[in-house]
Protein backbone atom coordinates (compact mmCIF):
# COMPACT_ATOMS: atom_id res chain seq x y z
CA MET A 1 0.00 0.00 0.00
CA TYR A 2 1.05 3.55 -0.72
CA LYS A 3 0.11 6.62 1.30
CA GLY A 4 -0.56 10.29 0.50
CA ALA A 5 -2.45 12.22 -2.16
CA TRP A 6 -3.75 15.63 -3.11
CA ALA A 7 -7.52 16.10 -3.38
CA GLU A 8 -8.81 18.77 -5.76
CA ASN A 9 -12.30 20.20 -6.05
CA ILE A 10 -12.65 20.52 -9.83
CA LYS A 11 -15.35 23.21 -9.53
CA SER A 12 -13.48 25.64 -7.25
CA GLY A 13 -9.90 24.53 -7.87
CA ALA A 14 -9.24 24.22 -4.13
CA ARG A 15 -6.59 21.62 -3.24
CA ALA A 16 -5.69 19.92 0.02
CA ARG A 17 -3.14 17.30 0.92
CA VAL A 18 -4.67 14.09 2.28
CA ALA A 19 -1.80 12.52 4.20
CA GLY A 20 -3.89 9.55 5.39
CA HIS A 21 -5.12 8.50 1.94
CA TYR A 22 -4.01 4.92 1.19
CA TYR A 23 -4.02 3.30 -2.25
CA THR A 24 -2.81 0.09 -3.88
CA ALA A 25 0.00 -0.56 -6.33
CA GLU A 26 -2.62 -1.12 -9.03
CA ALA A 27 -4.16 2.31 -8.37
CA ARG A 28 -0.69 3.82 -8.66
CA ARG A 29 -0.07 1.98 -11.94
CA LEU A 30 -3.38 3.17 -13.38
CA GLY A 31 -2.63 6.74 -12.32
CA GLU A 32 0.75 6.61 -14.03
CA ALA A 33 -0.99 5.27 -17.15
CA GLY A 34 -3.21 8.37 -17.28
CA VAL A 35 -6.35 7.25 -15.46
CA VAL A 36 -7.58 10.09 -13.22
CA PRO A 37 -8.45 8.84 -9.71
CA MET A 38 -11.85 10.29 -8.77
CA GLY A 39 -13.28 10.83 -5.30
CA PRO A 40 -16.66 9.80 -3.94
CA THR A 41 -18.33 12.52 -6.05
CA ASP A 42 -17.72 13.83 -9.55
CA TRP A 43 -16.39 17.07 -8.02
CA VAL A 44 -13.25 15.57 -6.46
CA LYS A 45 -10.20 14.13 -8.16
CA TYR A 46 -6.98 12.89 -6.63
CA GLN A 47 -3.33 13.25 -7.54
CA LEU A 48 -1.55 10.29 -5.99
CA GLU A 49 1.92 10.76 -4.52
C-alpha cells in the first residue's frame, strides 16, 4: 500500500493534501498510465503521490 495524495475540487480549484489516503500498487499503476483517480463525487479528483 502507498500513502498520501492531493484532493482537488474541480469546480473551485481548491486543493488539500490528504496525508492519510491509502491506495494500492494497481491504483498507482493506473494513475501513471493516465487514469484520473476520482473521489466519492464527480467534483473531487486525486493526484496520488
